[in-house]
């Protein structure tokens, strides 16, 4: 069997060296940022948010950092507008529903 025709990555190459980056959705993230994305994804899953995945967590971190900080801290309620895709904290979630009655807003409790 030729050496270039291996189906498995050798164990020493499976883990990236410290300080390297992770690629997600075309972006390169540091290990520290990736750890935050994974923690946020886990919190979103625990809250029962449908389709909680790393790229969604990355969107939340980039587009709505104040809501992401609340989720990472835990012990809060966040809202997702199914109609427009906006992530909102408690006060803005209720205001969003009141000002745009045709938008459907779902609330999720994030545990500590």
PDB file of N, CA and C in Angstrom:
ATOM      1  N   UNK A   1       0.846  -1.181   0.000  1.00  0.00           N
ATOM      2  CA  UNK A   1       0.000   0.000   0.000  1.00  0.00           C
ATOM      3  C   UNK A   1       0.889   1.242   0.000  1.00  0.00           C
ATOM      4  N   UNK A   2       0.647   2.179  -0.899  1.00  0.00           N
ATOM      5  CA  UNK A   2       1.456   3.400  -0.932  1.00  0.00           C
ATOM      6  C   UNK A   2       1.256   4.229   0.338  1.00  0.00           C
ATOM      7  N   UNK A   3       2.280   4.978   0.697  1.00  0.00           N
ATOM      8  CA  UNK A   3       2.214   5.761   1.932  1.00  0.00           C
ATOM      9  C   UNK A   3       1.210   6.904   1.846  1.00  0.00           C
ATOM     10  N   UNK A   4       0.919   7.392   0.663  1.00  0.00           N
ATOM     11  CA  UNK A   4      -0.026   8.504   0.538  1.00  0.00           C
ATOM     12  C   UNK A   4      -1.480   8.044   0.554  1.00  0.00           C
ATOM     13  N   UNK A   5      -1.716   6.752   0.601  1.00  0.00           N
ATOM     14  CA  UNK A   5      -3.068   6.208   0.511  1.00  0.00           C
ATOM     15  C   UNK A   5      -3.590   5.764   1.878  1.00  0.00           C
ATOM     16  N   UNK A   6      -3.241   6.489   2.925  1.00  0.00           N
ATOM     17  CA  UNK A   6      -3.683   6.117   4.266  1.00  0.00           C
ATOM     18  C   UNK A   6      -5.067   6.691   4.535  1.00  0.00           C
ATOM     19  N   UNK A   7      -5.884   5.929   5.228  1.00  0.00           N
ATOM     20  CA  UNK A   7      -7.243   6.386   5.522  1.00  0.00           C
ATOM     21  C   UNK A   7      -7.356   7.040   6.884  1.00  0.00           C
ATOM     22  N   UNK A   8      -6.359   6.888   7.731  1.00  0.00           N
ATOM     23  CA  UNK A   8      -6.423   7.468   9.072  1.00  0.00           C
ATOM     24  C   UNK A   8      -5.324   8.497   9.274  1.00  0.00           C
ATOM     25  N   UNK A   9      -5.647   9.519  10.029  1.00  0.00           N
ATOM     26  CA  UNK A   9      -4.654  10.511  10.406  1.00  0.00           C
ATOM     27  C   UNK A   9      -3.853   9.953  11.572  1.00  0.00           C
ATOM     28  N   UNK A  10      -2.525  10.038  11.546  1.00  0.00           N
ATOM     29  CA  UNK A  10      -1.735   9.529  12.661  1.00  0.00           C
ATOM     30  C   UNK A  10      -2.084  10.259  13.960  1.00  0.00           C
ATOM     31  N   UNK A  11      -2.033   9.579  15.096  1.00  0.00           N
ATOM     32  CA  UNK A  11      -2.430  10.192  16.370  1.00  0.00           C
ATOM     33  C   UNK A  11      -1.690  11.483  16.692  1.00  0.00           C
ATOM     34  N   UNK A  12      -0.423  11.591  16.337  1.00  0.00           N
ATOM     35  CA  UNK A  12       0.329  12.806  16.664  1.00  0.00           C
ATOM     36  C   UNK A  12      -0.142  14.018  15.866  1.00  0.00           C
ATOM     37  N   UNK A  13      -0.899  13.812  14.797  1.00  0.00           N
ATOM     38  CA  UNK A  13      -1.397  14.928  13.991  1.00  0.00           C
ATOM     39  C   UNK A  13      -2.863  15.248  14.262  1.00  0.00           C
ATOM     40  N   UNK A  14      -3.517  14.499  15.130  1.00  0.00           N
ATOM     41  CA  UNK A  14      -4.945  14.710  15.370  1.00  0.00           C
ATOM     42  C   UNK A  14      -5.231  15.971  16.159  1.00  0.00           C
ATOM     43  N   UNK A  15      -4.393  16.304  17.103  1.00  0.00           N
ATOM     44  CA  UNK A  15      -4.633  17.482  17.927  1.00  0.00           C
ATOM     45  C   UNK A  15      -3.736  18.618  17.451  1.00  0.00           C
ATOM     46  N   UNK A  16      -4.352  19.765  17.252  1.00  0.00           N
ATOM     47  CA  UNK A  16      -3.597  20.932  16.797  1.00  0.00           C
ATOM     48  C   UNK A  16      -2.738  21.463  17.933  1.00  0.00           C
ATOM     49  N   UNK A  17      -1.590  22.024  17.627  1.00  0.00           N
ATOM     50  CA  UNK A  17      -0.726  22.572  18.670  1.00  0.00           C
ATOM     51  C   UNK A  17      -1.371  23.761  19.373  1.00  0.00           C
ATOM     52  N   UNK A  18      -0.921  24.015  20.581  1.00  0.00           N
ATOM     53  CA  UNK A  18      -1.455  25.130  21.370  1.00  0.00           C
ATOM     54  C   UNK A  18      -1.239  26.442  20.630  1.00  0.00           C
ATOM     55  N   UNK A  19      -2.217  27.322  20.715  1.00  0.00           N
ATOM     56  CA  UNK A  19      -2.118  28.615  20.053  1.00  0.00           C
ATOM     57  C   UNK A  19      -2.522  28.598  18.595  1.00  0.00           C
ATOM     58  N   UNK A  20      -2.884  27.430  18.086  1.00  0.00           N
ATOM     59  CA  UNK A  20      -3.294  27.362  16.686  1.00  0.00           C
ATOM     60  C   UNK A  20      -4.760  27.773  16.565  1.00  0.00           C
ATOM     61  N   UNK A  21      -5.275  27.728  15.365  1.00  0.00           N
ATOM     62  CA  UNK A  21      -6.637  28.187  15.127  1.00  0.00           C
ATOM     63  C   UNK A  21      -7.528  27.036  14.689  1.00  0.00           C
ATOM     64  N   UNK A  22      -8.830  27.251  14.826  1.00  0.00           N
ATOM     65  CA  UNK A  22      -9.848  26.313  14.369  1.00  0.00           C
ATOM     66  C   UNK A  22     -10.606  27.009  13.250  1.00  0.00           C
ATOM     67  N   UNK A  23     -10.967  26.268  12.226  1.00  0.00           N
ATOM     68  CA  UNK A  23     -11.695  26.871  11.110  1.00  0.00           C
ATOM     69  C   UNK A  23     -13.165  26.474  11.204  1.00  0.00           C
ATOM     70  N   UNK A  24     -14.041  27.464  11.186  1.00  0.00           N
ATOM     71  CA  UNK A  24     -15.482  27.222  11.196  1.00  0.00           C
ATOM     72  C   UNK A  24     -16.129  28.261  10.291  1.00  0.00           C
ATOM     73  N   UNK A  25     -16.960  27.798   9.394  1.00  0.00           N
ATOM     74  CA  UNK A  25     -17.651  28.685   8.449  1.00  0.00           C
ATOM     75  C   UNK A  25     -16.689  29.630   7.738  1.00  0.00           C
ATOM     76  N   UNK A  26     -15.505  29.156   7.395  1.00  0.00           N
ATOM     77  CA  UNK A  26     -14.543  29.970   6.664  1.00  0.00           C
ATOM     78  C   UNK A  26     -13.726  30.913   7.516  1.00  0.00           C
ATOM     79  N   UNK A  27     -13.954  30.935   8.827  1.00  0.00           N
ATOM     80  CA  UNK A  27     -13.201  31.807   9.728  1.00  0.00           C
ATOM     81  C   UNK A  27     -12.188  30.990  10.509  1.00  0.00           C
ATOM     82  N   UNK A  28     -11.091  31.600  10.863  1.00  0.00           N
ATOM     83  CA  UNK A  28     -10.105  30.962  11.722  1.00  0.00           C
ATOM     84  C   UNK A  28     -10.248  31.549  13.119  1.00  0.00           C
ATOM     85  N   UNK A  29     -10.497  30.681  14.092  1.00  0.00           N
ATOM     86  CA  UNK A  29     -10.677  31.109  15.478  1.00  0.00           C
ATOM     87  C   UNK A  29      -9.526  30.604  16.328  1.00  0.00           C
ATOM     88  N   UNK A  30      -9.153  31.374  17.324  1.00  0.00           N
ATOM     89  CA  UNK A  30      -8.139  30.906  18.269  1.00  0.00           C
ATOM     90  C   UNK A  30      -8.748  29.822  19.142  1.00  0.00           C
ATOM     91  N   UNK A  31      -7.903  29.069  19.821  1.00  0.00           N
ATOM     92  CA  UNK A  31      -8.390  28.018  20.726  1.00  0.00           C
ATOM     93  C   UNK A  31      -9.256  28.616  21.833  1.00  0.00           C
ATOM     94  N   UNK A  32      -8.899  29.790  22.322  1.00  0.00           N
ATOM     95  CA  UNK A  32      -9.681  30.428  23.383  1.00  0.00           C
ATOM     96  C   UNK A  32     -11.079  30.788  22.875  1.00  0.00           C
ATOM     97  N   UNK A  33     -11.144  31.324  21.670  1.00  0.00           N
ATOM     98  CA  UNK A  33     -12.443  31.676  21.089  1.00  0.00           C
ATOM     99  C   UNK A  33     -13.270  30.423  20.825  1.00  0.00           C
ATOM    100  N   UNK A  34     -12.615  29.359  20.360  1.00  0.00           N
ATOM    101  CA  UNK A  34     -13.325  28.108  20.102  1.00  0.00           C
ATOM    102  C   UNK A  34     -13.882  27.531  21.403  1.00  0.00           C
ATOM    103  N   UNK A  35     -13.142  27.655  22.500  1.00  0.00           N
ATOM    104  CA  UNK A  35     -13.620  27.185  23.799  1.00  0.00           C
ATOM    105  C   UNK A  35     -14.887  27.938  24.187  1.00  0.00           C
ATOM    106  N   UNK A  36     -14.925  29.236  23.928  1.00  0.00           N
ATOM    107  CA  UNK A  36     -16.130  30.031  24.205  1.00  0.00           C
ATOM    108  C   UNK A  36     -17.299  29.603  23.336  1.00  0.00           C
ATOM    109  N   UNK A  37     -17.027  29.321  22.068  1.00  0.00           N
ATOM    110  CA  UNK A  37     -18.078  28.864  21.156  1.00  0.00           C
ATOM    111  C   UNK A  37     -18.647  27.536  21.645  1.00  0.00           C
ATOM    112  N   UNK A  38     -17.767  26.606  22.055  1.00  0.00           N
ATOM    113  CA  UNK A  38     -18.234  25.311  22.547  1.00  0.00           C
ATOM    114  C   UNK A  38     -19.040  25.459  23.830  1.00  0.00           C
ATOM    115  N   UNK A  39     -18.602  26.331  24.735  1.00  0.00           N
ATOM    116  CA  UNK A  39     -19.340  26.553  25.984  1.00  0.00           C
ATOM    117  C   UNK A  39     -20.711  27.156  25.694  1.00  0.00           C
ATOM    118  N   UNK A  40     -20.760  28.086  24.767  1.00  0.00           N
ATOM    119  CA  UNK A  40     -22.030  28.707  24.406  1.00  0.00           C
ATOM    120  C   UNK A  40     -22.961  27.693  23.745  1.00  0.00           C
ATOM    121  N   UNK A  41     -22.423  26.840  22.883  1.00  0.00           N
ATOM    122  CA  UNK A  41     -23.225  25.796  22.244  1.00  0.00           C
ATOM    123  C   UNK A  41     -23.814  24.863  23.290  1.00  0.00           C
ATOM    124  N   UNK A  42     -23.010  24.478  24.280  1.00  0.00           N
ATOM    125  CA  UNK A  42     -23.497  23.597  25.346  1.00  0.00           C
ATOM    126  C   UNK A  42     -24.621  24.261  26.135  1.00  0.00           C
ATOM    127  N   UNK A  43     -24.473  25.550  26.442  1.00  0.00           N
ATOM    128  CA  UNK A  43     -25.527  26.275  27.165  1.00  0.00           C
ATOM    129  C   UNK A  43     -26.807  26.342  26.329  1.00  0.00           C
ATOM    130  N   UNK A  44     -26.668  26.580  25.038  1.00  0.00           N
ATOM    131  CA  UNK A  44     -27.843  26.652  24.166  1.00  0.00           C
ATOM    132  C   UNK A  44     -28.555  25.307  24.114  1.00  0.00           C
ATOM    133  N   UNK A  45     -27.793  24.215  24.077  1.00  0.00           N
ATOM    134  CA  UNK A  45     -28.400  22.877  24.075  1.00  0.00           C
ATOM    135  C   UNK A  45     -29.120  22.604  25.387  1.00  0.00           C
ATOM    136  N   UNK A  46     -28.492  22.977  26.511  1.00  0.00           N
ATOM    137  CA  UNK A  46     -29.132  22.771  27.816  1.00  0.00           C
ATOM    138  C   UNK A  46     -30.420  23.572  27.933  1.00  0.00           C
ATOM    139  N   UNK A  47     -30.483  24.718  27.281  1.00  0.00           N
ATOM    140  CA  UNK A  47     -31.691  25.545  27.321  1.00  0.00           C
ATOM    141  C   UNK A  47     -32.786  24.988  26.411  1.00  0.00           C
ATOM    142  N   UNK A  48     -32.451  23.988  25.606  1.00  0.00           N
ATOM    143  CA  UNK A  48     -33.439  23.377  24.725  1.00  0.00           C
ATOM    144  C   UNK A  48     -33.667  24.127  23.431  1.00  0.00           C
ATOM    145  N   UNK A  49     -32.706  24.938  23.048  1.00  0.00           N
ATOM    146  CA  UNK A  49     -32.843  25.716  21.817  1.00  0.00           C
ATOM    147  C   UNK A  49     -32.636  24.780  20.626  1.00  0.00           C
ATOM    148  N   UNK A  50     -33.592  24.757  19.704  1.00  0.00           N
ATOM    149  CA  UNK A  50     -33.470  23.844  18.569  1.00  0.00           C
ATOM    150  C   UNK A  50     -32.284  24.204  17.674  1.00  0.00           C
ATOM    151  N   UNK A  51     -31.659  23.175  17.135  1.00  0.00           N
ATOM    152  CA  UNK A  51     -30.524  23.312  16.213  1.00  0.00           C
ATOM    153  C   UNK A  51     -29.382  24.129  16.806  1.00  0.00           C
ATOM    154  N   UNK A  52     -29.092  23.895  18.080  1.00  0.00           N
ATOM    155  CA  UNK A  52     -27.947  24.577  18.704  1.00  0.00           C
ATOM    156  C   UNK A  52     -26.675  23.922  18.179  1.00  0.00           C
ATOM    157  N   UNK A  53     -25.885  24.673  17.455  1.00  0.00           N
ATOM    158  CA  UNK A  53     -24.655  24.150  16.868  1.00  0.00           C
ATOM    159  C   UNK A  53     -23.585  25.238  16.909  1.00  0.00           C
ATOM    160  N   UNK A  54     -22.316  24.869  16.713  1.00  0.00           N
ATOM    161  CA  UNK A  54     -21.235  25.860  16.832  1.00  0.00           C
ATOM    162  C   UNK A  54     -21.381  27.073  15.919  1.00  0.00           C
ATOM    163  N   UNK A  55     -21.842  26.893  14.694  1.00  0.00           N
ATOM    164  CA  UNK A  55     -21.947  28.067  13.824  1.00  0.00           C
ATOM    165  C   UNK A  55     -23.045  29.014  14.313  1.00  0.00           C
ATOM    166  N   UNK A  56     -24.107  28.472  14.902  1.00  0.00           N
ATOM    167  CA  UNK A  56     -25.137  29.327  15.490  1.00  0.00           C
ATOM    168  C   UNK A  56     -24.621  30.062  16.710  1.00  0.00           C
ATOM    169  N   UNK A  57     -23.803  29.378  17.510  1.00  0.00           N
ATOM    170  CA  UNK A  57     -23.200  30.022  18.678  1.00  0.00           C
ATOM    171  C   UNK A  57     -22.238  31.122  18.240  1.00  0.00           C
ATOM    172  N   UNK A  58     -21.509  30.876  17.168  1.00  0.00           N
ATOM    173  CA  UNK A  58     -20.596  31.895  16.644  1.00  0.00           C
ATOM    174  C   UNK A  58     -21.377  33.118  16.165  1.00  0.00           C
ATOM    175  N   UNK A  59     -22.490  32.887  15.487  1.00  0.00           N
ATOM    176  CA  UNK A  59     -23.347  34.006  15.071  1.00  0.00           C
ATOM    177  C   UNK A  59     -23.804  34.812  16.276  1.00  0.00           C
ATOM    178  N   UNK A  60     -24.209  34.115  17.330  1.00  0.00           N
ATOM    179  CA  UNK A  60     -24.679  34.802  18.533  1.00  0.00           C
ATOM    180  C   UNK A  60     -23.556  35.614  19.165  1.00  0.00           C
ATOM    181  N   UNK A  61     -22.348  35.050  19.212  1.00  0.00           N
ATOM    182  CA  UNK A  61     -21.208  35.774  19.784  1.00  0.00           C
ATOM    183  C   UNK A  61     -20.856  37.022  18.984  1.00  0.00           C
ATOM    184  N   UNK A  62     -20.930  36.918  17.676  1.00  0.00           N
ATOM    185  CA  UNK A  62     -20.525  38.033  16.820  1.00  0.00           C
ATOM    186  C   UNK A  62     -21.630  39.082  16.691  1.00  0.00           C
ATOM    187  N   UNK A  63     -22.857  38.636  16.450  1.00  0.00           N
ATOM    188  CA  UNK A  63     -23.947  39.568  16.174  1.00  0.00           C
ATOM    189  C   UNK A  63     -24.621  40.122  17.427  1.00  0.00           C
ATOM    190  N   UNK A  64     -24.653  39.341  18.493  1.00  0.00           N
ATOM    191  CA  UNK A  64     -25.340  39.757  19.722  1.00  0.00           C
ATOM    192  C   UNK A  64     -24.468  39.431  20.935  1.00  0.00           C
ATOM    193  N   UNK A  65     -23.322  40.088  21.080  1.00  0.00           N
ATOM    194  CA  UNK A  65     -22.393  39.734  22.162  1.00  0.00           C
ATOM    195  C   UNK A  65     -22.973  39.927  23.561  1.00  0.00           C
ATOM    196  N   UNK A  66     -23.882  40.899  23.729  1.00  0.00           N
ATOM    197  CA  UNK A  66     -24.464  41.121  25.059  1.00  0.00           C
ATOM    198  C   UNK A  66     -25.362  39.951  25.467  1.00  0.00           C
ATOM    199  N   UNK A  67     -26.098  39.375  24.520  1.00  0.00           N
ATOM    200  CA  UNK A  67     -26.936  38.207  24.812  1.00  0.00           C
ATOM    201  C   UNK A  67     -26.048  36.986  25.041  1.00  0.00           C
ATOM    202  N   UNK A  68     -24.980  36.845  24.249  1.00  0.00           N
ATOM    203  CA  UNK A  68     -24.054  35.721  24.425  1.00  0.00           C
ATOM    204  C   UNK A  68     -23.410  35.761  25.803  1.00  0.00           C
ATOM    205  N   UNK A  69     -23.056  36.946  26.280  1.00  0.00           N
ATOM    206  CA  UNK A  69     -22.460  37.070  27.617  1.00  0.00           C
ATOM    207  C   UNK A  69     -23.445  36.631  28.689  1.00  0.00           C
ATOM    208  N   UNK A  70     -24.720  36.970  28.531  1.00  0.00           N
ATOM    209  CA  UNK A  70     -25.736  36.535  29.489  1.00  0.00           C
ATOM    210  C   UNK A  70     -25.898  35.019  29.469  1.00  0.00           C
ATOM    211  N   UNK A  71     -25.873  34.429  28.275  1.00  0.00           N
ATOM    212  CA  UNK A  71     -26.023  32.978  28.151  1.00  0.00           C
ATOM    213  C   UNK A  71     -24.841  32.275  28.803  1.00  0.00           C
ATOM    214  N   UNK A  72     -23.628  32.764  28.556  1.00  0.00           N
ATOM    215  CA  UNK A  72     -22.446  32.144  29.158  1.00  0.00           C
ATOM    216  C   UNK A  72     -22.465  32.263  30.673  1.00  0.00           C
ATOM    217  N   UNK A  73     -22.992  33.368  31.194  1.00  0.00           N
ATOM    218  CA  UNK A  73     -23.087  33.544  32.647  1.00  0.00           C
ATOM    219  C   UNK A  73     -24.165  32.642  33.232  1.00  0.00           C
ATOM    220  N   UNK A  74     -25.202  32.361  32.458  1.00  0.00           N
ATOM    221  CA  UNK A  74     -26.285  31.494  32.917  1.00  0.00           C
ATOM    222  C   UNK A  74     -27.277  32.237  33.786  1.00  0.00           C
ATOM    223  N   UNK A  75     -28.341  31.516  34.174  1.00  0.00           N
ATOM    224  CA  UNK A  75     -29.337  32.085  35.057  1.00  0.00           C
ATOM    225  C   UNK A  75     -30.139  33.218  34.457  1.00  0.00           C
ATOM    226  N   UNK A  76     -30.453  33.135  33.173  1.00  0.00           N
ATOM    227  CA  UNK A  76     -31.204  34.213  32.532  1.00  0.00           C
ATOM    228  C   UNK A  76     -32.238  33.622  31.582  1.00  0.00           C
ATOM    229  N   UNK A  77     -33.011  34.479  31.006  1.00  0.00           N
ATOM    230  CA  UNK A  77     -33.985  34.089  29.990  1.00  0.00           C
ATOM    231  C   UNK A  77     -33.655  34.885  28.729  1.00  0.00           C
ATOM    232  N   UNK A  78     -33.565  34.183  27.606  1.00  0.00           N
ATOM    233  CA  UNK A  78     -33.298  34.834  26.325  1.00  0.00           C
ATOM    234  C   UNK A  78     -34.426  34.502  25.360  1.00  0.00           C
ATOM    235  N   UNK A  79     -34.533  35.303  24.335  1.00  0.00           N
ATOM    236  CA  UNK A  79     -35.611  35.133  23.371  1.00  0.00           C
ATOM    237  C   UNK A  79     -35.038  35.077  21.967  1.00  0.00           C
ATOM    238  N   UNK A  80     -35.652  34.240  21.136  1.00  0.00           N
ATOM    239  CA  UNK A  80     -35.294  34.118  19.728  1.00  0.00           C
ATOM    240  C   UNK A  80     -36.532  34.438  18.910  1.00  0.00           C
ATOM    241  N   UNK A  81     -36.420  35.409  18.022  1.00  0.00           N
ATOM    242  CA  UNK A  81     -37.527  35.725  17.117  1.00  0.00           C
ATOM    243  C   UNK A  81     -37.416  34.775  15.931  1.00  0.00           C
ATOM    244  N   UNK A  82     -38.394  33.904  15.810  1.00  0.00           N
ATOM    245  CA  UNK A  82     -38.380  32.912  14.738  1.00  0.00           C
ATOM    246  C   UNK A  82     -38.570  33.587  13.384  1.00  0.00           C
ATOM    247  N   UNK A  83     -39.274  34.686  13.360  1.00  0.00           N
ATOM    248  CA  UNK A  83     -39.579  35.376  12.109  1.00  0.00           C
ATOM    249  C   UNK A  83     -38.352  36.057  11.510  1.00  0.00           C
ATOM    250  N   UNK A  84     -37.626  36.830  12.329  1.00  0.00           N
ATOM    251  CA  UNK A  84     -36.489  37.585  11.781  1.00  0.00           C
ATOM    252  C   UNK A  84     -35.132  37.041  12.237  1.00  0.00           C
ATOM    253  N   UNK A  85     -35.110  36.090  13.174  1.00  0.00           N
ATOM    254  CA  UNK A  85     -33.858  35.478  13.607  1.00  0.00           C
ATOM    255  C   UNK A  85     -33.067  36.277  14.620  1.00  0.00           C
ATOM    256  N   UNK A  86     -33.669  37.297  15.215  1.00  0.00           N
ATOM    257  CA  UNK A  86     -32.959  38.138  16.188  1.00  0.00           C
ATOM    258  C   UNK A  86     -32.901  37.448  17.548  1.00  0.00           C
ATOM    259  N   UNK A  87     -31.746  37.569  18.206  1.00  0.00           N
ATOM    260  CA  UNK A  87     -31.591  37.110  19.589  1.00  0.00           C
ATOM    261  C   UNK A  87     -31.773  38.319  20.490  1.00  0.00           C
ATOM    262  N   UNK A  88     -32.573  38.153  21.542  1.00  0.00           N
ATOM    263  CA  UNK A  88     -32.912  39.287  22.389  1.00  0.00           C
ATOM    264  C   UNK A  88     -32.828  38.906  23.859  1.00  0.00           C
ATOM    265  N   UNK A  89     -32.486  39.891  24.692  1.00  0.00           N
ATOM    266  CA  UNK A  89     -32.551  39.653  26.134  1.00  0.00           C
ATOM    267  C   UNK A  89     -34.008  39.808  26.563  1.00  0.00           C
ATOM    268  N   UNK A  90     -34.283  39.643  27.853  1.00  0.00           N
ATOM    269  CA  UNK A  90     -35.666  39.616  28.337  1.00  0.00           C
ATOM    270  C   UNK A  90     -36.428  40.899  28.013  1.00  0.00           C
ATOM    271  N   UNK A  91     -35.854  42.049  28.307  1.00  0.00           N
ATOM    272  CA  UNK A  91     -36.556  43.318  28.090  1.00  0.00           C
ATOM    273  C   UNK A  91     -36.816  43.567  26.604  1.00  0.00           C
ATOM    274  N   UNK A  92     -35.808  43.338  25.792  1.00  0.00           N
ATOM    275  CA  UNK A  92     -35.972  43.593  24.355  1.00  0.00           C
ATOM    276  C   UNK A  92     -36.860  42.544  23.692  1.00  0.00           C
ATOM    277  N   UNK A  93     -36.904  41.326  24.243  1.00  0.00           N
ATOM    278  CA  UNK A  93     -37.764  40.284  23.683  1.00  0.00           C
ATOM    279  C   UNK A  93     -39.232  40.642  23.789  1.00  0.00           C
ATOM    280  N   UNK A  94     -39.624  41.151  24.953  1.00  0.00           N
ATOM    281  CA  UNK A  94     -41.015  41.549  25.164  1.00  0.00           C
ATOM    282  C   UNK A  94     -41.343  42.777  24.316  1.00  0.00           C
ATOM    283  N   UNK A  95     -40.436  43.738  24.262  1.00  0.00           N
ATOM    284  CA  UNK A  95     -40.657  44.940  23.452  1.00  0.00           C
ATOM    285  C   UNK A  95     -40.748  44.589  21.968  1.00  0.00           C
ATOM    286  N   UNK A  96     -39.932  43.647  21.524  1.00  0.00           N
ATOM    287  CA  UNK A  96     -39.939  43.216  20.123  1.00  0.00           C
ATOM    288  C   UNK A  96     -41.306  42.628  19.770  1.00  0.00           C
ATOM    289  N   UNK A  97     -41.828  41.790  20.656  1.00  0.00           N
ATOM    290  CA  UNK A  97     -43.133  41.165  20.422  1.00  0.00           C
ATOM    291  C   UNK A  97     -44.246  42.213  20.421  1.00  0.00           C
ATOM    292  N   UNK A  98     -44.144  43.211  21.297  1.00  0.00           N
ATOM    293  CA  UNK A  98     -45.179  44.254  21.368  1.00  0.00           C
ATOM    294  C   UNK A  98     -45.170  45.164  20.142  1.00  0.00           C
ATOM    295  N   UNK A  99     -43.985  45.527  19.666  1.00  0.00           N
ATOM    296  CA  UNK A  99     -43.905  46.442  18.522  1.00  0.00           C
ATOM    297  C   UNK A  99     -44.162  45.742  17.191  1.00  0.00           C
ATOM    298  N   UNK A 100     -43.836  44.455  17.120  1.00  0.00           N
ATOM    299  CA  UNK A 100     -44.050  43.689  15.882  1.00  0.00           C
ATOM    300  C   UNK A 100     -44.920  42.472  16.205  1.00  0.00           C
ATOM    301  N   UNK A 101     -46.240  42.642  16.304  1.00  0.00           N
ATOM    302  CA  UNK A 101     -47.103  41.548  16.744  1.00  0.00           C
ATOM    303  C   UNK A 101     -47.140  40.351  15.795  1.00  0.00           C
ATOM    304  N   UNK A 102     -46.752  40.528  14.546  1.00  0.00           N
ATOM    305  CA  UNK A 102     -46.744  39.397  13.619  1.00  0.00           C
ATOM    306  C   UNK A 102     -45.474  38.552  13.744  1.00  0.00           C
ATOM    307  N   UNK A 103     -44.520  38.968  14.567  1.00  0.00           N
ATOM    308  CA  UNK A 103     -43.302  38.188  14.788  1.00  0.00           C
ATOM    309  C   UNK A 103     -43.531  37.197  15.919  1.00  0.00           C
ATOM    310  N   UNK A 104     -43.020  35.988  15.759  1.00  0.00           N
ATOM    311  CA  UNK A 104     -43.163  34.940  16.772  1.00  0.00           C
ATOM    312  C   UNK A 104     -41.873  34.857  17.578  1.00  0.00           C
ATOM    313  N   UNK A 105     -41.962  35.151  18.863  1.00  0.00           N
ATOM    314  CA  UNK A 105     -40.797  35.156  19.745  1.00  0.00           C
ATOM    315  C   UNK A 105     -40.900  33.983  20.708  1.00  0.00           C
ATOM    316  N   UNK A 106     -39.809  33.193  20.798  1.00  0.00           N
ATOM    317  CA  UNK A 106     -39.751  32.059  21.723  1.00  0.00           C
ATOM    318  C   UNK A 106     -38.787  32.385  22.846  1.00  0.00           C
ATOM    319  N   UNK A 107     -39.163  32.048  24.059  1.00  0.00           N
ATOM    320  CA  UNK A 107     -38.301  32.278  25.215  1.00  0.00           C
ATOM    321  C   UNK A 107     -37.638  30.999  25.673  1.00  0.00           C
ATOM    322  N   UNK A 108     -36.394  31.111  26.134  1.00  0.00           N
ATOM    323  CA  UNK A 108     -35.630  29.970  26.633  1.00  0.00           C
ATOM    324  C   UNK A 108     -34.972  30.351  27.945  1.00  0.00           C
ATOM    325  N   UNK A 109     -35.058  29.461  28.927  1.00  0.00           N
ATOM    326  CA  UNK A 109     -34.394  29.685  30.210  1.00  0.00           C
ATOM    327  C   UNK A 109     -33.029  29.027  30.182  1.00  0.00           C
ATOM    328  N   UNK A 110     -32.000  29.794  30.510  1.00  0.00           N
ATOM    329  CA  UNK A 110     -30.634  29.286  30.537  1.00  0.00           C
ATOM    330  C   UNK A 110     -30.256  29.062  31.993  1.00  0.00           C
ATOM    331  N   UNK A 111     -29.887  27.834  32.317  1.00  0.00           N
ATOM    332  CA  UNK A 111     -29.546  27.483  33.697  1.00  0.00           C
ATOM    333  C   UNK A 111     -28.143  27.962  34.050  1.00  0.00           C
ATOM    334  N   UNK A 112     -27.887  28.040  35.353  1.00  0.00           N
ATOM    335  CA  UNK A 112     -26.545  28.405  35.836  1.00  0.00           C
ATOM    336  C   UNK A 112     -25.561  27.303  35.549  1.00  0.00           C
TER     337      UNK A 112
END
